Protein backbone atom coordinates (compact mmCIF):
# COMPACT_ATOMS: atom_id res chain seq x y z
CA MET A 1 0.02 -0.04 0.13
CA GLN A 2 1.46 3.25 -0.90
CA ASP A 3 1.36 5.90 1.78
CA PRO A 4 2.98 9.10 0.31
CA SER A 5 2.60 10.64 3.66
CA PHE A 6 6.04 8.91 5.22
CA GLU A 7 9.20 8.73 3.58
CA VAL A 8 10.93 6.67 6.20
CA ILE A 9 9.78 3.39 8.04
CA VAL A 10 11.56 2.52 10.79
CA VAL A 11 10.99 -1.08 12.11
CA GLY A 12 11.50 -1.25 16.21
CA GLY A 13 10.71 1.48 18.98
CA GLY A 14 13.65 1.02 21.26
CA VAL A 15 16.37 3.76 21.93
CA ALA A 16 17.83 3.05 18.40
CA GLY A 17 14.81 3.11 16.43
CA LEU A 18 12.94 6.08 18.25
CA GLY A 19 16.51 7.97 18.13
CA VAL A 20 16.78 7.37 14.50
CA ALA A 21 13.07 8.55 13.76
CA TRP A 22 13.61 11.83 15.95
CA GLU A 23 16.67 12.72 14.21
CA LEU A 24 15.06 12.10 10.81
CA ALA A 25 11.91 14.24 11.82
CA GLN A 26 14.54 17.01 12.58
CA ARG A 27 15.95 16.78 9.19
CA GLY A 28 12.46 17.46 7.90
CA ARG A 29 11.73 13.73 6.84
CA ARG A 30 8.32 12.28 7.64
CA VAL A 31 8.52 9.07 9.61
CA ARG A 32 6.52 6.14 10.85
CA VAL A 33 7.97 3.83 13.62
CA LEU A 34 6.86 0.30 13.78
CA GLU A 35 7.08 -1.18 17.37
CA GLY A 36 5.56 -5.01 17.46
CA ARG A 37 4.95 -4.75 21.07
CA HIS A 38 5.22 -1.39 23.03
CA VAL A 39 7.68 1.12 23.21
CA GLY A 40 10.56 -0.02 25.70
CA ALA A 41 9.30 -3.77 25.39
CA GLY A 42 13.01 -4.91 24.47
CA ALA A 43 16.34 -4.29 25.61
CA THR A 44 16.65 -0.41 26.20
CA TRP A 45 14.12 -0.56 29.19
CA ALA A 46 16.34 -3.51 30.57
CA ALA A 47 19.54 -1.87 30.30
CA ALA A 48 21.50 0.04 33.07
CA GLY A 49 22.26 3.28 31.30
CA MET A 50 25.79 3.28 31.72
CA LEU A 51 27.85 5.63 29.39
CA ALA A 52 31.07 3.70 30.34
CA PRO A 53 33.70 3.19 27.23
CA SER A 54 36.91 3.69 29.68
CA ALA A 55 35.51 1.08 31.92
CA GLU A 56 34.48 -1.45 29.57
CA ILE A 57 37.12 -1.13 26.86
CA GLY A 58 37.54 -4.83 25.26
CA PHE A 59 41.19 -5.93 24.33
CA GLU A 60 40.13 -6.28 20.76
CA GLU A 61 37.57 -3.69 20.55
CA LEU A 62 39.43 -0.67 19.90
CA ASP A 63 36.97 0.72 17.27
CA LEU A 64 34.12 0.23 19.56
CA TYR A 65 36.03 1.90 22.09
CA ALA A 66 36.32 4.96 19.63
CA LEU A 67 33.06 4.98 18.77
CA GLY A 68 31.93 4.77 22.17
CA ARG A 69 34.00 7.64 23.17
CA GLU A 70 32.96 9.65 20.21
CA SER A 71 29.15 9.04 21.38
CA LEU A 72 29.76 9.87 24.95
CA ALA A 73 31.14 13.14 23.61
CA ARG A 74 27.68 13.88 22.16
CA TRP A 75 25.86 12.80 25.22
CA PRO A 76 25.41 15.99 26.80
CA VAL A 77 24.37 17.94 24.04
CA PHE A 78 22.06 15.17 22.97
CA ALA A 79 20.71 15.02 26.62
CA ARG A 80 19.85 18.87 26.57
CA ARG A 81 18.44 18.57 23.29
CA LEU A 82 16.27 15.74 23.90
CA GLU A 83 15.04 17.10 27.44
CA ALA A 84 14.10 20.44 25.73
CA ALA A 85 12.01 18.62 23.19
CA SER A 86 10.27 16.04 25.55
CA GLY A 87 10.21 18.12 28.75
CA ARG A 88 11.44 15.26 30.45
CA SER A 89 14.55 14.80 32.37
CA VAL A 90 16.82 11.91 31.11
CA GLY A 91 18.81 11.74 34.67
CA TYR A 92 22.28 12.49 33.11
CA ARG A 93 25.06 11.95 35.68
CA ASP A 94 28.87 12.42 35.80
CA ASP A 95 29.93 10.86 38.78
CA GLY A 96 32.15 8.54 37.25
CA THR A 97 32.79 4.70 37.31
CA LEU A 98 34.71 2.51 39.94
CA VAL A 99 36.06 -0.93 38.33
CA VAL A 100 36.95 -2.97 41.43
CA ALA A 101 38.39 -6.36 42.42
CA ASP A 102 37.80 -8.58 45.36
CA ASP A 103 40.31 -11.43 45.53
CA ARG A 104 43.88 -12.07 43.79
CA ASP A 105 42.63 -13.37 40.69
CA SER A 106 40.49 -10.46 39.63
CA LEU A 107 43.35 -8.18 41.13
CA ARG A 108 45.45 -9.76 38.02
CA ALA A 109 42.70 -9.10 35.78
CA LEU A 110 42.34 -5.59 36.94
CA ARG A 111 45.90 -4.97 36.71
CA ARG A 112 45.66 -6.23 33.07
CA LEU A 113 43.01 -3.99 32.09
CA PHE A 114 44.38 -0.66 33.73
CA ASP A 115 47.74 -1.49 31.96
CA PHE A 116 45.70 -1.93 28.53
CA GLN A 117 43.80 1.33 29.28
CA THR A 118 46.72 3.37 29.91
CA ASP A 119 48.77 1.99 26.81
CA HIS A 120 45.64 3.14 24.67
CA GLY A 121 45.36 6.62 26.22
CA VAL A 122 42.30 5.65 28.34
CA PRO A 123 41.52 8.25 31.15
CA VAL A 124 41.81 6.21 34.52
CA GLU A 125 43.58 6.15 37.61
CA TRP A 126 44.87 3.14 39.72
CA LEU A 127 43.49 3.55 43.29
CA SER A 128 44.53 1.14 46.31
CA GLY A 129 41.69 -0.21 48.32
CA GLU A 130 41.88 2.31 50.99
CA GLU A 131 41.82 5.19 48.49
CA ALA A 132 38.84 3.37 46.81
CA VAL A 133 36.95 3.30 50.14
CA ASP A 134 37.58 7.07 50.54
CA LEU A 135 36.00 7.84 47.65
CA GLU A 136 33.08 5.42 48.15
CA PRO A 137 32.72 4.56 51.42
CA MET A 138 29.88 1.77 51.08
CA LEU A 139 32.94 -0.42 49.08
CA SER A 140 34.01 -3.34 51.01
CA PRO A 141 37.07 -2.63 53.19
CA ARG A 142 38.84 -5.93 51.90
CA LEU A 143 38.90 -4.61 48.38
CA PRO A 144 42.53 -4.94 47.09
CA ALA A 145 42.46 -1.97 44.50
CA ALA A 146 40.20 -0.45 41.86
CA ILE A 147 40.23 1.67 38.77
CA VAL A 148 38.52 4.99 38.58
CA ALA A 149 37.30 6.39 35.40
CA PRO A 150 36.10 9.89 36.08
CA GLY A 151 35.00 10.33 32.55
CA ASP A 152 32.67 7.75 32.42
CA HIS A 153 29.00 8.66 33.06
CA GLN A 154 25.16 7.51 33.18
CA VAL A 155 21.63 8.18 32.51
CA ASP A 156 18.39 6.66 33.52
CA ASN A 157 17.72 4.70 30.34
CA ARG A 158 14.06 4.24 31.31
CA ALA A 159 13.89 8.00 31.41
CA VAL A 160 15.47 8.21 28.03
CA LEU A 161 13.13 6.26 26.17
CA ARG A 162 10.08 7.92 27.57
CA ALA A 163 11.75 11.33 26.45
CA LEU A 164 12.59 10.12 22.92
CA HIS A 165 8.76 8.67 22.73
CA ARG A 166 7.60 12.22 23.48
CA ALA A 167 10.02 13.97 21.51
CA ALA A 168 9.57 11.85 18.62
CA LEU A 169 5.73 12.03 18.56
CA ALA A 170 6.04 16.06 19.02
CA SER A 171 8.27 15.96 16.15
CA GLY A 172 5.48 14.53 13.86
CA VAL A 173 6.74 10.88 13.79
CA ASP A 174 3.97 8.51 13.57
CA VAL A 175 4.58 5.87 16.50
CA ARG A 176 2.31 2.57 15.89
CA GLU A 177 2.64 0.28 18.91
CA GLU A 178 1.24 -3.35 18.89
CA THR A 179 2.18 -3.47 15.08
CA PRO A 180 4.07 -6.41 14.32
CA VAL A 181 6.02 -6.86 11.34
CA SER A 182 6.76 -10.40 9.39
CA ARG A 183 9.08 -9.29 6.76
CA ILE A 184 10.89 -6.29 4.96
CA VAL A 185 11.13 -6.34 1.09
CA PRO A 186 14.09 -4.64 -0.37
CA GLY A 187 13.82 -2.08 -3.17
CA ALA A 188 15.79 0.35 -4.72
CA ASP A 189 12.88 2.92 -5.18
CA ARG A 190 10.25 1.62 -2.72
CA PRO A 191 11.18 -0.88 -0.11
CA GLU A 192 8.22 -2.44 1.60
CA VAL A 193 7.39 -3.69 4.89
CA VAL A 194 5.00 -6.40 5.45
CA LEU A 195 3.02 -6.49 8.60
CA ALA A 196 2.04 -9.55 10.28
CA ASP A 197 -1.81 -9.05 9.41
CA GLY A 198 -1.04 -9.29 5.86
CA THR A 199 -0.96 -5.31 5.33
CA THR A 200 1.85 -4.14 3.18
CA LEU A 201 3.34 -0.60 3.53
CA ASP A 202 6.02 1.04 1.43
CA ALA A 203 8.49 3.95 1.88
CA ARG A 204 11.63 5.41 0.14
CA ALA A 205 13.68 3.69 2.85
CA VAL A 206 13.46 1.36 5.65
CA VAL A 207 15.69 1.42 8.90
CA LEU A 208 15.85 -1.84 10.68
CA ALA A 209 16.16 -1.26 14.50
CA ALA A 210 14.17 -4.38 16.16
CA GLY A 211 17.36 -5.45 18.24
CA ALA A 212 17.41 -8.76 18.96
CA TRP A 213 14.28 -9.78 16.68
CA SER A 214 16.27 -8.24 13.76
CA ALA A 215 17.13 -11.34 12.33
CA SER A 216 13.92 -13.23 12.65
CA LEU A 217 12.06 -10.94 9.99
CA GLY A 218 11.67 -12.53 6.86
CA GLY A 219 12.28 -10.98 3.36
CA LEU A 220 16.00 -10.45 4.03
CA ASP A 221 18.64 -12.81 2.63
CA PRO A 222 21.35 -12.65 4.01
CA ALA A 223 19.43 -11.64 7.30
CA PRO A 224 21.46 -9.45 9.94
CA PRO A 225 23.64 -11.43 12.08
CA VAL A 226 22.18 -10.61 15.09
CA ARG A 227 21.27 -12.98 17.79
CA GLY A 228 19.52 -12.61 21.42
CA VAL A 229 21.90 -12.72 24.67
CA LYS A 230 19.52 -13.10 27.82
CA GLY A 231 20.52 -10.90 30.61
CA GLN A 232 18.69 -10.92 33.98
CA ALA A 233 19.00 -7.94 36.40
CA LEU A 234 17.35 -6.62 39.47
CA ALA A 235 16.85 -3.27 41.42
CA LEU A 236 17.28 -2.58 45.12
CA ARG A 237 16.16 0.47 47.02
CA LEU A 238 18.94 2.95 48.28
CA ASP A 239 18.52 4.49 51.71
CA PRO A 240 20.63 7.40 52.47
CA ASP A 241 19.26 8.06 56.00
CA ARG A 242 20.56 4.25 57.12
CA GLY A 243 23.86 4.91 55.23
CA LEU A 244 22.87 2.87 52.20
CA ASP A 245 23.96 4.98 49.41
CA LEU A 246 26.15 4.98 46.36
CA ARG A 247 27.33 7.68 44.21
CA HIS A 248 29.42 5.88 41.40
CA VAL A 249 28.69 3.35 39.03
CA VAL A 250 30.76 0.27 40.60
CA ARG A 251 31.87 -2.56 38.36
CA GLY A 252 32.86 -5.75 40.21
CA PRO A 253 34.40 -9.01 38.90
CA ASP A 254 30.31 -10.56 39.18
CA ALA A 255 27.92 -7.85 39.19
CA TYR A 256 27.69 -4.07 38.26
CA LEU A 257 25.78 -1.48 40.75
CA VAL A 258 24.31 1.69 39.15
CA PRO A 259 22.78 4.16 41.55
CA LYS A 260 19.58 6.11 39.99
CA ALA A 261 18.43 9.64 40.93
CA ASP A 262 14.96 7.67 41.82
CA GLY A 263 16.58 5.91 44.70
CA ARG A 264 16.85 2.41 42.88
CA LEU A 265 20.09 0.80 42.70
CA VAL A 266 20.36 -1.38 39.48
CA VAL A 267 22.60 -4.53 39.96
CA GLY A 268 23.39 -6.53 36.34
CA ALA A 269 23.62 -8.60 34.81
CA THR A 270 23.77 -12.06 33.76
CA SER A 271 24.83 -13.00 30.05
CA GLU A 272 23.13 -16.15 28.88
CA ASP A 273 23.75 -17.07 25.07
CA GLY A 274 21.21 -19.36 23.44
CA VAL A 275 18.71 -18.88 26.03
CA PRO A 276 15.35 -18.09 24.44
CA ASP A 277 13.08 -17.24 27.49
CA THR A 278 13.02 -14.04 29.74
CA ARG A 279 12.28 -16.03 33.11
CA VAL A 280 13.82 -14.44 36.12
CA THR A 281 15.63 -17.27 37.90
CA GLY A 282 16.57 -18.01 41.28
CA GLY A 283 20.05 -18.95 40.12
CA GLY A 284 20.31 -15.54 38.35
CA VAL A 285 19.18 -13.30 41.00
CA PHE A 286 21.33 -15.37 43.58
CA ARG A 287 24.68 -14.87 41.32
CA LEU A 288 23.92 -11.06 40.96
CA LEU A 289 23.35 -10.66 44.68
CA GLU A 290 26.33 -12.66 45.48
CA GLY A 291 28.70 -10.50 43.24
CA ALA A 292 27.00 -7.09 44.46
CA VAL A 293 27.50 -8.27 48.10
CA ALA A 294 30.99 -9.31 47.45
CA VAL A 295 31.92 -5.38 46.63
CA VAL A 296 29.22 -3.53 48.41
CA PRO A 297 28.29 -5.46 51.64
CA GLY A 298 25.50 -2.94 52.39
CA VAL A 299 23.37 -4.59 49.77
CA GLU A 300 22.22 -7.44 52.14
CA GLU A 301 20.39 -4.17 54.11
CA MET A 302 18.56 -2.97 51.03
CA GLU A 303 15.17 -3.23 50.20
CA PHE A 304 14.07 -5.48 47.24
CA VAL A 305 12.28 -3.60 44.65
CA GLU A 306 12.01 -5.77 41.20
CA THR A 307 13.48 -8.08 38.93
CA TRP A 308 13.69 -8.32 34.70
CA ALA A 309 15.13 -10.29 32.09
CA ALA A 310 15.46 -9.18 28.54
CA HIS A 311 17.66 -10.21 25.08
CA ARG A 312 20.59 -7.99 24.46
CA PRO A 313 20.92 -7.80 20.29
CA ALA A 314 24.52 -9.12 19.73
CA SER A 315 26.18 -9.28 16.41
CA ARG A 316 28.61 -11.82 15.12
CA ASP A 317 31.48 -9.56 16.33
CA HIS A 318 29.64 -8.09 19.18
CA ALA A 319 29.66 -4.62 17.26
CA PRO A 320 26.78 -2.62 16.08
CA LEU A 321 25.75 -2.59 12.31
CA LEU A 322 25.12 0.53 11.50
CA GLY A 323 23.98 2.40 8.04
CA GLN A 324 23.44 1.03 4.57
CA SER A 325 22.97 -2.66 4.33
CA ALA A 326 23.49 -4.89 1.40
CA HIS A 327 19.53 -4.92 0.63
CA PRO A 328 18.82 -1.99 -1.50
CA GLY A 329 16.57 0.85 0.52
CA VAL A 330 17.24 -1.00 3.78
CA PHE A 331 19.44 0.57 6.41
CA TYR A 332 20.40 -1.13 9.99
CA ALA A 333 20.61 0.41 13.22
CA THR A 334 20.78 -2.76 15.32
CA GLY A 335 23.28 -5.21 17.01
CA HIS A 336 24.43 -2.88 19.90
CA TYR A 337 24.94 -5.39 22.37
CA ARG A 338 25.39 -4.25 25.66
CA HIS A 339 26.00 -0.69 24.21
CA GLY A 340 22.60 0.62 22.82
CA VAL A 341 22.17 3.16 25.48
CA LEU A 342 25.78 4.56 25.18
CA LEU A 343 25.75 4.84 21.26
CA ALA A 344 22.15 6.49 21.35
CA PRO A 345 23.51 9.92 20.05
CA VAL A 346 25.89 8.32 17.45
CA THR A 347 23.39 5.93 16.23
CA ALA A 348 20.72 8.33 15.80
CA GLU A 349 22.57 11.20 14.50
CA GLU A 350 24.54 9.27 11.89
CA VAL A 351 22.18 6.69 10.86
CA ALA A 352 19.64 9.45 10.23
CA ALA A 353 22.15 11.48 8.24
CA ALA A 354 22.88 8.62 6.34
CA VAL A 355 19.29 8.22 5.28
CA ASP A 356 18.93 11.75 4.70
CA ARG A 357 22.13 11.94 2.26
CA THR A 358 20.83 8.88 0.37
CA LEU A 359 16.99 10.19 -0.26
CA ALA A 360 18.73 13.49 -1.15
CA GLY A 361 20.70 11.45 -3.90
CA ALA A 362 24.07 11.96 -2.21
CA PRO A 363 24.61 8.56 -0.17
CA GLU A 364 27.90 8.71 1.63
CA THR A 365 29.05 6.87 5.01
CA ALA A 366 30.38 8.78 7.45
CA PRO A 367 33.79 7.72 8.64
CA VAL A 368 32.69 7.19 12.27
CA LEU A 369 30.52 4.44 10.72
CA ALA A 370 32.74 2.97 8.36
CA PRO A 371 34.33 0.22 10.81
CA PHE A 372 30.45 -0.72 11.73
CA ALA A 373 29.11 -1.04 8.10
CA PRO A 374 26.86 -3.83 7.86
CA LEU A 375 28.85 -4.95 4.43
CA ARG A 376 31.58 -6.03 6.84
CA PHE A 377 30.03 -9.40 7.06
CA PRO A 378 30.14 -11.66 3.95
CA SER A 379 26.83 -12.81 2.41
């Protein structure tokens, strides 16, 4: 069904899809978002909101680290724009991250990480256990050492999602929830999107931003190499009046702890490859609490708030797929794995720019996206 009202269809209503849609609307494009369930049903809602490229740098992921640093640098302006457009706070905090060791083995791993970070110019500092406790008094006094990454920040991922939804709607984006897509039919002129009820929609471009479900849609051969990796997490209640408070994000060997402005302490997350369900299990919760208590013993005294589970969208190399795909008229903004919230600004701005340039007849891939082009995977 031809609908000239919309130039771009975005499949997926998480932080990637809504971000790209909002940025396209800022460029004057008419955009429709199709979300199979409800906005925030996937990985964005379940995330912890860490903006931590320095703490999370991988030994073989220097391109991804560079992209994360670029996106982090964009976050302050992106947050201000988003708050102005939506009238909502996104909970941006710049308190920094502490990466801690809790035994001899994790101390050796921490030292290897620190050496790698400093060899590559990552802005971090080594702390003794005593110095770490001085900085964050709730840490266990038994911790041998820590790395502080003062430039790593965080946002409230759920607040970001709500703000993006509101900003997109205010910009004229048509957001359709409970509208599952069954397949995408590529086409240089008018690619098509076929809904689960058989309705066919077309547009000048389609952006696939369906997270862990991106590979399950029909019509794309090859399909994007994205799979779901289950993660369980939980939240506790901070209580400053009882001395149960944290200021920094704390990353231990077996859990991370992320304090939020609304009083929650998010504790995550398991990583379960090949597990199709989203059940919260006793074993998952036990492992998270055990890992949290090892580095912040006061966790034992905190009120339990909630648990959840979702699937992270992991590509074959754990890096995102961003930009023009091998399929005419189809762009990807998926495969972000653990970094969807961190990479939200660069994904939204650069994928939207790539689509906009293509529709204007001047297709071009920004250098920042080149290492993450979907075409890096052989068909």
